[in-house]
Protein backbone atom coordinates (compact mmCIF):
# COMPACT_ATOMS: atom_id res chain seq x y z
CA MET A 1 -61.09 -5.39 -22.65
CA ILE A 2 -61.16 -2.29 -24.90
CA ARG A 3 -63.50 -2.38 -28.09
CA VAL A 4 -64.09 -0.21 -31.16
CA TYR A 5 -67.17 0.30 -32.93
CA ALA A 6 -68.16 2.17 -35.60
CA ALA A 7 -70.82 4.61 -35.55
CA THR A 8 -74.44 3.83 -34.91
CA SER A 9 -77.64 5.36 -34.12
CA MET A 10 -78.19 2.92 -30.71
CA HIS A 11 -77.96 4.51 -27.34
CA THR A 12 -74.67 4.06 -25.65
CA ARG A 13 -73.73 5.39 -22.62
CA ARG A 14 -71.04 7.58 -23.00
CA ALA A 15 -68.11 8.05 -20.50
CA PRO A 16 -67.75 11.26 -17.90
CA LEU A 17 -65.44 13.80 -18.32
CA ALA A 18 -62.22 12.35 -17.08
CA SER A 19 -63.06 8.81 -18.78
CA ALA A 20 -63.53 10.97 -21.72
CA ALA A 21 -60.15 12.26 -21.43
CA ALA A 22 -58.29 8.82 -20.14
CA VAL A 23 -60.21 6.97 -23.39
CA ALA A 24 -59.41 9.96 -25.78
CA LEU A 25 -55.77 9.71 -24.55
CA TRP A 26 -55.82 6.02 -25.07
CA PHE A 27 -56.87 5.80 -27.98
CA LEU A 28 -56.01 9.06 -29.84
CA LEU A 29 -52.69 7.57 -31.18
CA SER A 30 -51.84 4.88 -33.32
CA GLY A 31 -49.66 2.44 -35.18
CA PRO A 32 -48.34 2.50 -38.90
CA ALA A 33 -50.77 2.68 -41.74
CA THR A 34 -51.27 -0.05 -43.93
CA SER A 35 -51.58 2.39 -47.23
CA HIS A 36 -48.78 3.12 -49.52
CA ALA A 37 -48.84 6.85 -49.33
CA GLN A 38 -47.62 7.94 -46.05
CA ASP A 39 -48.22 11.73 -44.30
CA ALA A 40 -44.67 13.66 -42.79
CA MET A 41 -46.83 13.33 -39.53
CA SER A 42 -46.95 9.22 -39.42
CA GLY A 43 -44.43 7.77 -37.01
CA THR A 44 -43.65 6.58 -33.52
CA TRP A 45 -43.29 10.39 -31.41
CA ARG A 46 -41.96 9.53 -27.80
CA TYR A 47 -42.81 12.15 -25.35
CA ALA A 48 -40.31 15.33 -24.68
CA GLY A 49 -42.01 17.87 -23.06
CA SER A 50 -40.23 19.92 -20.72
CA GLU A 51 -40.73 20.84 -17.10
CA ALA A 52 -42.03 24.35 -17.82
CA GLU A 53 -44.40 22.28 -20.15
CA ARG A 54 -45.54 20.38 -17.15
CA ALA A 55 -46.03 23.11 -15.17
CA GLN A 56 -47.95 24.81 -17.75
CA ARG A 57 -50.36 21.34 -17.59
CA GLU A 58 -50.48 21.80 -13.69
CA GLU A 59 -51.40 25.31 -13.76
CA ALA A 60 -54.27 25.23 -16.23
CA VAL A 61 -55.78 22.16 -14.64
CA ARG A 62 -55.54 24.55 -11.31
CA ALA A 63 -57.22 27.15 -12.64
CA ALA A 64 -60.01 24.87 -14.49
CA THR A 65 -61.01 23.68 -10.97
CA GLU A 66 -60.41 26.90 -8.59
CA PRO A 67 -63.82 28.13 -8.88
CA MET A 68 -65.05 24.33 -7.80
CA SER A 69 -66.52 23.68 -4.20
CA PHE A 70 -63.43 23.12 -2.19
CA LEU A 71 -65.22 19.86 -0.93
CA ILE A 72 -64.46 18.31 -4.99
CA ARG A 73 -61.59 20.57 -5.78
CA GLY A 74 -58.53 18.38 -4.88
CA THR A 75 -60.45 15.27 -6.33
CA ALA A 76 -61.15 16.77 -9.62
CA ARG A 77 -57.44 18.40 -9.52
CA ASP A 78 -56.26 14.70 -9.47
CA ARG A 79 -58.56 13.34 -11.98
CA LEU A 80 -57.43 15.51 -14.18
CA MET A 81 -53.87 15.30 -13.69
CA GLU A 82 -54.15 11.87 -14.38
CA ALA A 83 -56.61 11.77 -17.73
CA THR A 84 -54.06 14.55 -19.25
CA ALA A 85 -51.09 12.74 -18.26
CA PRO A 86 -49.02 12.68 -21.93
CA ARG A 87 -48.49 8.77 -22.89
CA PRO A 88 -44.85 8.47 -23.16
CA ARG A 89 -45.04 6.74 -26.72
CA ILE A 90 -47.35 7.23 -29.28
CA HIS A 91 -48.16 6.22 -33.33
CA VAL A 92 -49.50 8.32 -35.79
CA ALA A 93 -50.14 7.33 -39.36
CA VAL A 94 -51.61 9.33 -41.90
CA ALA A 95 -52.40 7.97 -45.36
CA GLY A 96 -55.31 9.74 -47.16
CA ASP A 97 -58.05 10.34 -45.53
CA ARG A 98 -57.23 7.36 -43.12
CA VAL A 99 -55.90 8.17 -39.45
CA GLU A 100 -54.81 5.16 -37.07
CA LEU A 101 -53.75 6.22 -33.87
CA ARG A 102 -52.42 4.13 -30.46
CA ALA A 103 -50.89 5.20 -27.38
CA ASP A 104 -48.68 2.31 -25.73
CA GLY A 105 -50.35 -0.14 -24.47
CA SER A 106 -53.86 0.48 -26.25
CA PRO A 107 -55.63 -0.85 -29.17
CA ARG A 108 -55.43 1.45 -32.48
CA VAL A 109 -58.39 3.58 -33.26
CA VAL A 110 -59.08 4.10 -37.26
CA LEU A 111 -60.53 6.94 -38.40
CA THR A 112 -61.88 8.50 -41.82
CA VAL A 113 -60.57 11.97 -42.00
CA GLY A 114 -63.90 13.77 -42.89
CA GLY A 115 -65.76 10.73 -41.96
CA PRO A 116 -68.24 9.35 -39.53
CA GLU A 117 -67.83 9.40 -35.85
CA VAL A 118 -66.33 6.41 -34.38
CA THR A 119 -67.43 4.71 -31.04
CA VAL A 120 -64.59 3.53 -28.72
CA GLU A 121 -65.18 1.68 -25.71
CA GLY A 122 -62.74 0.93 -22.84
CA GLU A 123 -62.59 0.16 -19.38
CA ARG A 124 -63.92 4.00 -18.26
CA GLY A 125 -66.32 3.81 -20.56
CA ARG A 126 -67.88 4.83 -24.32
CA GLY A 127 -67.04 8.40 -26.71
CA ARG A 128 -67.15 9.20 -30.01
CA MET A 129 -64.24 10.22 -32.17
CA ARG A 130 -64.01 11.85 -35.24
CA ALA A 131 -61.30 13.61 -37.17
CA THR A 132 -60.83 16.57 -39.70
CA ARG A 133 -57.95 17.78 -41.46
CA ARG A 134 -57.44 21.58 -42.55
CA SER A 135 -53.79 23.51 -43.20
CA GLY A 136 -51.80 20.75 -42.26
CA LEU A 137 -53.14 20.18 -38.85
CA LEU A 138 -55.01 17.04 -38.04
CA THR A 139 -57.74 17.42 -35.27
CA VAL A 140 -59.22 15.01 -33.67
CA THR A 141 -62.29 15.23 -31.54
CA ALA A 142 -63.19 12.26 -28.89
CA GLN A 143 -66.77 13.19 -27.51
CA GLY A 144 -68.52 11.67 -24.32
CA GLU A 145 -71.28 11.82 -21.44
CA ARG A 146 -69.91 15.21 -20.00
CA GLY A 147 -67.07 16.63 -21.87
CA THR A 148 -64.89 16.99 -25.08
CA ARG A 149 -61.27 16.78 -25.53
CA THR A 150 -59.65 17.86 -28.90
CA ALA A 151 -56.46 17.54 -30.13
CA THR A 152 -55.06 19.35 -32.91
CA TYR A 153 -51.61 17.57 -34.11
CA GLN A 154 -48.92 20.02 -35.50
CA ILE A 155 -45.43 18.34 -37.03
CA SER A 156 -42.70 20.89 -36.94
CA GLU A 157 -40.82 22.26 -39.94
CA ASP A 158 -37.90 20.09 -39.76
CA GLY A 159 -40.09 17.13 -38.94
CA GLY A 160 -38.97 16.05 -35.82
CA TRP A 161 -41.19 17.19 -33.61
CA LEU A 162 -44.91 17.16 -33.11
CA TYR A 163 -47.00 19.45 -30.74
CA VAL A 164 -50.32 18.26 -29.75
CA ASP A 165 -52.75 21.12 -28.37
CA VAL A 166 -55.35 20.10 -26.36
CA HIS A 167 -58.77 21.55 -25.44
CA LEU A 168 -60.75 20.04 -22.96
CA ARG A 169 -64.36 21.13 -22.40
CA GLY A 170 -66.59 19.42 -19.65
CA ASP A 171 -69.47 20.90 -17.55
CA ARG A 172 -68.44 21.09 -14.45
CA LEU A 173 -65.49 22.77 -15.92
CA PRO A 174 -66.12 26.67 -16.35
CA GLU A 175 -63.40 27.24 -18.97
CA PRO A 176 -61.82 24.93 -21.27
CA LEU A 177 -58.95 23.39 -19.96
CA VAL A 178 -56.06 24.27 -22.49
CA TYR A 179 -52.33 22.53 -22.83
CA ARG A 180 -49.68 21.43 -25.06
CA LEU A 181 -48.07 18.05 -25.74
CA THR A 182 -44.35 17.57 -26.91
CA TYR A 183 -43.34 14.81 -28.83
CA ARG A 184 -39.69 13.74 -30.76
CA ARG A 185 -39.66 11.62 -33.61
CA GLU A 186 -38.18 8.31 -32.77
């Protein structure tokens, strides 16, 4: 069961780094907006990353975990690879200042660009999300107890591709984990 809450001042237990990333992946992409004026970024997108893109993500995970103790390095890499795995299909809807995001199998999250944070809760814990928009880029930030995932969405000039640049920061990561996911419009 996954729940979405409006931001409140109550104390909440936030998800650890891997959970925050998983929650963000589950919630970052959503279904069609109900508003009449839709943005070019709106639509259903299917993952279309190349083998080179997958290898780049794997190398980013390896580099981020290299400084860790050999006792936890393997587990950390496995968890990060799972948490950063691209969703096969995502739905994005942008209408005015409203953004709806959903990945297949996950409930939608509705954010207001520049608005208050939204608390999301999933099987792995809670996190806070917010959205901003600047120069045609949509940035969605998910904050968990031990880490932050920032995903910046950019549409190609021809409107057929969606690039998601991800920056994952965590208290156990000496440097941000940075990678790109590429999606093709369905």
